[in-house]
C-alpha atoms as a PDB file:
ATOM      1  CA  MET A   1     126.753 111.601  53.408  1.00  0.00           C
ATOM      2  CA  ASN A   2     123.148 112.008  52.382  1.00  0.00           C
ATOM      3  CA  ARG A   3     121.774 114.977  54.349  1.00  0.00           C
ATOM      4  CA  ASN A   4     118.176 113.904  53.744  1.00  0.00           C
ATOM      5  CA  VAL A   5     118.747 110.677  55.725  1.00  0.00           C
ATOM      6  CA  ALA A   6     120.706 112.282  58.580  1.00  0.00           C
ATOM      7  CA  SER A   7     118.241 115.103  59.175  1.00  0.00           C
ATOM      8  CA  PRO A   8     115.175 112.918  59.919  1.00  0.00           C
ATOM      9  CA  LEU A   9     117.314 110.639  62.107  1.00  0.00           C
ATOM     10  CA  ALA A  10     118.663 113.616  64.054  1.00  0.00           C
ATOM     11  CA  SER A  11     115.107 114.931  64.472  1.00  0.00           C
ATOM     12  CA  ILE A  12     113.934 111.578  65.867  1.00  0.00           C
ATOM     13  CA  VAL A  13     116.857 111.381  68.308  1.00  0.00           C
ATOM     14  CA  LEU A  14     116.267 114.963  69.446  1.00  0.00           C
ATOM     15  CA  ALA A  15     112.521 114.416  69.868  1.00  0.00           C
ATOM     16  CA  THR A  16     113.122 111.226  71.882  1.00  0.00           C
ATOM     17  CA  ALA A  17     115.655 112.939  74.146  1.00  0.00           C
ATOM     18  CA  LEU A  18     113.326 115.875  74.767  1.00  0.00           C
ATOM     19  CA  SER A  19     110.438 113.510  75.485  1.00  0.00           C
ATOM     20  CA  LEU A  20     112.491 111.540  78.017  1.00  0.00           C
ATOM     21  CA  ALA A  21     113.697 114.719  79.690  1.00  0.00           C
ATOM     22  CA  ALA A  22     110.157 116.064  79.973  1.00  0.00           C
ATOM     23  CA  THR A  23     108.883 112.741  81.335  1.00  0.00           C
ATOM     24  CA  GLY A  24     111.656 112.599  83.946  1.00  0.00           C
ATOM     25  CA  ALA A  25     110.884 116.113  85.150  1.00  0.00           C
ATOM     26  CA  ALA A  26     107.150 115.428  85.265  1.00  0.00           C
ATOM     27  CA  VAL A  27     107.428 112.370  87.527  1.00  0.00           C
ATOM     28  CA  ALA A  28     109.559 114.038  90.199  1.00  0.00           C
ATOM     29  CA  GLY A  29     107.484 115.245  93.131  1.00  0.00           C
ATOM     30  CA  GLU A  30     107.829 117.741  95.910  1.00  0.00           C
ATOM     31  CA  LEU A  31     107.316 116.801  99.568  1.00  0.00           C
ATOM     32  CA  THR A  32     106.408 119.402 102.183  1.00  0.00           C
ATOM     33  CA  VAL A  33     106.956 118.385 105.807  1.00  0.00           C
ATOM     34  CA  ASN A  34     104.965 120.492 108.284  1.00  0.00           C
ATOM     35  CA  LEU A  35     106.295 120.206 111.838  1.00  0.00           C
ATOM     36  CA  HIS A  36     104.167 120.921 114.906  1.00  0.00           C
ATOM     37  CA  GLY A  37     104.952 120.967 118.605  1.00  0.00           C
ATOM     38  CA  ILE A  38     108.389 122.569 118.655  1.00  0.00           C
ATOM     39  CA  ARG A  39     108.718 123.220 122.381  1.00  0.00           C
ATOM     40  CA  VAL A  40     112.111 124.925 122.688  1.00  0.00           C
ATOM     41  CA  GLN A  41     113.139 127.966 120.692  1.00  0.00           C
ATOM     42  CA  GLY A  42     116.706 127.666 119.509  1.00  0.00           C
ATOM     43  CA  GLY A  43     118.809 124.682 118.708  1.00  0.00           C
ATOM     44  CA  LEU A  44     118.605 122.985 115.332  1.00  0.00           C
ATOM     45  CA  VAL A  45     115.656 121.107 113.831  1.00  0.00           C
ATOM     46  CA  LYS A  46     116.824 118.460 111.334  1.00  0.00           C
ATOM     47  CA  VAL A  47     114.653 116.553 108.868  1.00  0.00           C
ATOM     48  CA  ALA A  48     115.863 113.471 106.973  1.00  0.00           C
ATOM     49  CA  VAL A  49     113.985 111.832 104.093  1.00  0.00           C
ATOM     50  CA  VAL A  50     114.911 108.184 103.489  1.00  0.00           C
ATOM     51  CA  ASP A  51     113.832 105.810 100.736  1.00  0.00           C
ATOM     52  CA  SER A  52     114.754 102.351 102.012  1.00  0.00           C
ATOM     53  CA  GLN A  53     114.770 100.053 105.011  1.00  0.00           C
ATOM     54  CA  GLN A  54     118.573 100.227 104.942  1.00  0.00           C
ATOM     55  CA  ALA A  55     118.565 104.036 105.182  1.00  0.00           C
ATOM     56  CA  TRP A  56     115.874 103.897 107.899  1.00  0.00           C
ATOM     57  CA  ASP A  57     118.185 101.637 109.922  1.00  0.00           C
ATOM     58  CA  GLY A  58     121.172 103.983 109.409  1.00  0.00           C
ATOM     59  CA  GLY A  59     122.995 101.763 106.921  1.00  0.00           C
ATOM     60  CA  ALA A  60     122.640 104.151 103.979  1.00  0.00           C
ATOM     61  CA  ALA A  61     122.516 107.900 103.523  1.00  0.00           C
ATOM     62  CA  PRO A  62     119.191 109.757 103.461  1.00  0.00           C
ATOM     63  CA  VAL A  63     117.899 110.879 100.064  1.00  0.00           C
ATOM     64  CA  GLN A  64     117.680 114.474 101.300  1.00  0.00           C
ATOM     65  CA  VAL A  65     118.360 116.291 104.572  1.00  0.00           C
ATOM     66  CA  ASP A  66     117.526 119.807 105.686  1.00  0.00           C
ATOM     67  CA  GLY A  67     117.753 121.750 108.919  1.00  0.00           C
ATOM     68  CA  ALA A  68     117.052 125.149 110.416  1.00  0.00           C
ATOM     69  CA  PRO A  69     117.118 126.891 113.791  1.00  0.00           C
ATOM     70  CA  ALA A  70     113.874 126.456 115.719  1.00  0.00           C
ATOM     71  CA  GLN A  71     111.790 129.637 115.578  1.00  0.00           C
ATOM     72  CA  GLY A  72     108.210 129.233 116.712  1.00  0.00           C
ATOM     73  CA  GLU A  73     106.067 126.199 117.455  1.00  0.00           C
ATOM     74  CA  THR A  74     105.869 125.124 113.805  1.00  0.00           C
ATOM     75  CA  ALA A  75     108.245 124.785 110.865  1.00  0.00           C
ATOM     76  CA  LYS A  76     107.984 123.825 107.204  1.00  0.00           C
ATOM     77  CA  PHE A  77     110.571 122.014 105.107  1.00  0.00           C
ATOM     78  CA  THR A  78     110.234 121.327 101.378  1.00  0.00           C
ATOM     79  CA  PHE A  79     112.089 118.577  99.544  1.00  0.00           C
ATOM     80  CA  LYS A  80     112.143 118.774  95.746  1.00  0.00           C
ATOM     81  CA  ASP A  81     112.741 116.293  92.946  1.00  0.00           C
ATOM     82  CA  LEU A  82     111.688 113.124  94.788  1.00  0.00           C
ATOM     83  CA  LYS A  83     111.113 110.217  92.436  1.00  0.00           C
ATOM     84  CA  PRO A  84     107.876 108.275  92.907  1.00  0.00           C
ATOM     85  CA  GLY A  85     108.297 105.612  95.572  1.00  0.00           C
ATOM     86  CA  ARG A  86     108.157 104.818  99.269  1.00  0.00           C
ATOM     87  CA  TYR A  87     109.716 107.214 101.765  1.00  0.00           C
ATOM     88  CA  ALA A  88     109.839 107.874 105.495  1.00  0.00           C
ATOM     89  CA  VAL A  89     110.794 110.997 107.450  1.00  0.00           C
ATOM     90  CA  MET A  90     112.797 111.319 110.675  1.00  0.00           C
ATOM     91  CA  VAL A  91     112.912 114.596 112.607  1.00  0.00           C
ATOM     92  CA  THR A  92     115.179 115.548 115.500  1.00  0.00           C
ATOM     93  CA  HIS A  93     115.429 118.798 117.424  1.00  0.00           C
ATOM     94  CA  ASP A  94     118.866 119.293 118.947  1.00  0.00           C
ATOM     95  CA  GLU A  95     117.448 121.723 121.499  1.00  0.00           C
ATOM     96  CA  ASN A  96     120.736 122.545 123.236  1.00  0.00           C
ATOM     97  CA  ALA A  97     122.797 122.588 119.997  1.00  0.00           C
ATOM     98  CA  ASN A  98     125.349 120.061 121.238  1.00  0.00           C
ATOM     99  CA  GLY A  99     125.320 118.117 117.958  1.00  0.00           C
ATOM    100  CA  LYS A 100     123.345 115.083 119.148  1.00  0.00           C
ATOM    101  CA  LEU A 101     119.917 113.957 120.318  1.00  0.00           C
ATOM    102  CA  ASP A 102     120.290 113.689 124.095  1.00  0.00           C
ATOM    103  CA  MET A 103     118.883 110.564 125.777  1.00  0.00           C
ATOM    104  CA  ASN A 104     118.052 109.643 129.371  1.00  0.00           C
ATOM    105  CA  VAL A 105     119.574 106.612 131.131  1.00  0.00           C
ATOM    106  CA  MET A 106     116.782 104.413 129.706  1.00  0.00           C
ATOM    107  CA  GLY A 107     117.651 105.468 126.134  1.00  0.00           C
ATOM    108  CA  MET A 108     114.570 107.673 125.660  1.00  0.00           C
ATOM    109  CA  PRO A 109     115.095 110.996 123.871  1.00  0.00           C
ATOM    110  CA  LEU A 110     115.152 114.084 126.075  1.00  0.00           C
ATOM    111  CA  GLU A 111     114.868 116.398 123.077  1.00  0.00           C
ATOM    112  CA  GLY A 112     112.186 116.725 120.405  1.00  0.00           C
ATOM    113  CA  TYR A 113     111.799 114.036 117.770  1.00  0.00           C
ATOM    114  CA  GLY A 114     109.157 112.761 115.365  1.00  0.00           C
ATOM    115  CA  PHE A 115     108.435 110.459 112.448  1.00  0.00           C
ATOM    116  CA  SER A 116     106.194 110.420 109.403  1.00  0.00           C
ATOM    117  CA  ASN A 117     102.724 108.990 110.085  1.00  0.00           C
ATOM    118  CA  ASN A 118     103.134 109.933 113.788  1.00  0.00           C
ATOM    119  CA  PRO A 119     102.978 106.314 114.985  1.00  0.00           C
ATOM    120  CA  SER A 120     101.991 105.907 118.653  1.00  0.00           C
ATOM    121  CA  VAL A 121     104.809 103.625 119.761  1.00  0.00           C
ATOM    122  CA  MET A 122     107.309 103.822 122.629  1.00  0.00           C
ATOM    123  CA  ARG A 123     110.236 102.958 120.355  1.00  0.00           C
ATOM    124  CA  LYS A 124     111.530 103.966 116.974  1.00  0.00           C
ATOM    125  CA  PRO A 125     108.790 102.971 114.517  1.00  0.00           C
ATOM    126  CA  THR A 126     109.456 100.385 111.868  1.00  0.00           C
ATOM    127  CA  TRP A 127     109.971 101.294 108.226  1.00  0.00           C
ATOM    128  CA  GLU A 128     106.462  99.989 107.521  1.00  0.00           C
ATOM    129  CA  GLU A 129     104.909 102.128 110.288  1.00  0.00           C
ATOM    130  CA  ALA A 130     106.568 105.340 109.115  1.00  0.00           C
ATOM    131  CA  GLY A 131     106.562 104.758 105.359  1.00  0.00           C
ATOM    132  CA  PHE A 132     104.347 106.547 102.849  1.00  0.00           C
ATOM    133  CA  GLU A 133     104.109 106.793  99.078  1.00  0.00           C
ATOM    134  CA  VAL A 134     105.163 109.787  96.986  1.00  0.00           C
ATOM    135  CA  SER A 135     103.719 109.892  93.482  1.00  0.00           C
ATOM    136  CA  GLY A 136     104.741 112.193  90.677  1.00  0.00           C
ATOM    137  CA  SER A 137     102.644 114.983  92.183  1.00  0.00           C
ATOM    138  CA  ASP A 138     103.346 117.156  95.197  1.00  0.00           C
ATOM    139  CA  ALA A 139     102.611 115.794  98.675  1.00  0.00           C
ATOM    140  CA  ALA A 140     102.487 117.172 102.210  1.00  0.00           C
ATOM    141  CA  ILE A 141     102.710 115.439 105.574  1.00  0.00           C
ATOM    142  CA  ASP A 142     102.386 116.616 109.174  1.00  0.00           C
ATOM    143  CA  VAL A 143     104.810 115.476 111.854  1.00  0.00           C
ATOM    144  CA  ALA A 144     104.112 116.133 115.539  1.00  0.00           C
ATOM    145  CA  LEU A 145     107.243 116.382 117.648  1.00  0.00           C
ATOM    146  CA  ARG A 146     107.334 114.570 120.960  1.00  0.00           C
END
């Protein structure tokens, strides 16, 4: 085998691989979700980030999920390595830690909840109402719990 031919080819392959790896890392963004209006201390605050209508409707898994005990009136959650695209955020606060979002007889939540874009609707917002774009740079959104 001619080493002079293999060496430049190996260098090109290595350079291309490194370039693709660097490009992939550069386009991933970080999303910070700032929650406001936590009314009950204790229980578990859960944040789900979804990237499709199907996931918004519960037919697919969220892209990322995080949760923490409620401590204070605000909380901050950071989601890393999100590819550029459209996302929406759902927040629930299981205030009594029974593993579910309690509802009244009319189907309205009795515990804290919120959505990205804080739409003023008396129902679960649509994917379009709650959706927002994440680019390759870091982003932050505020969600007010109801």
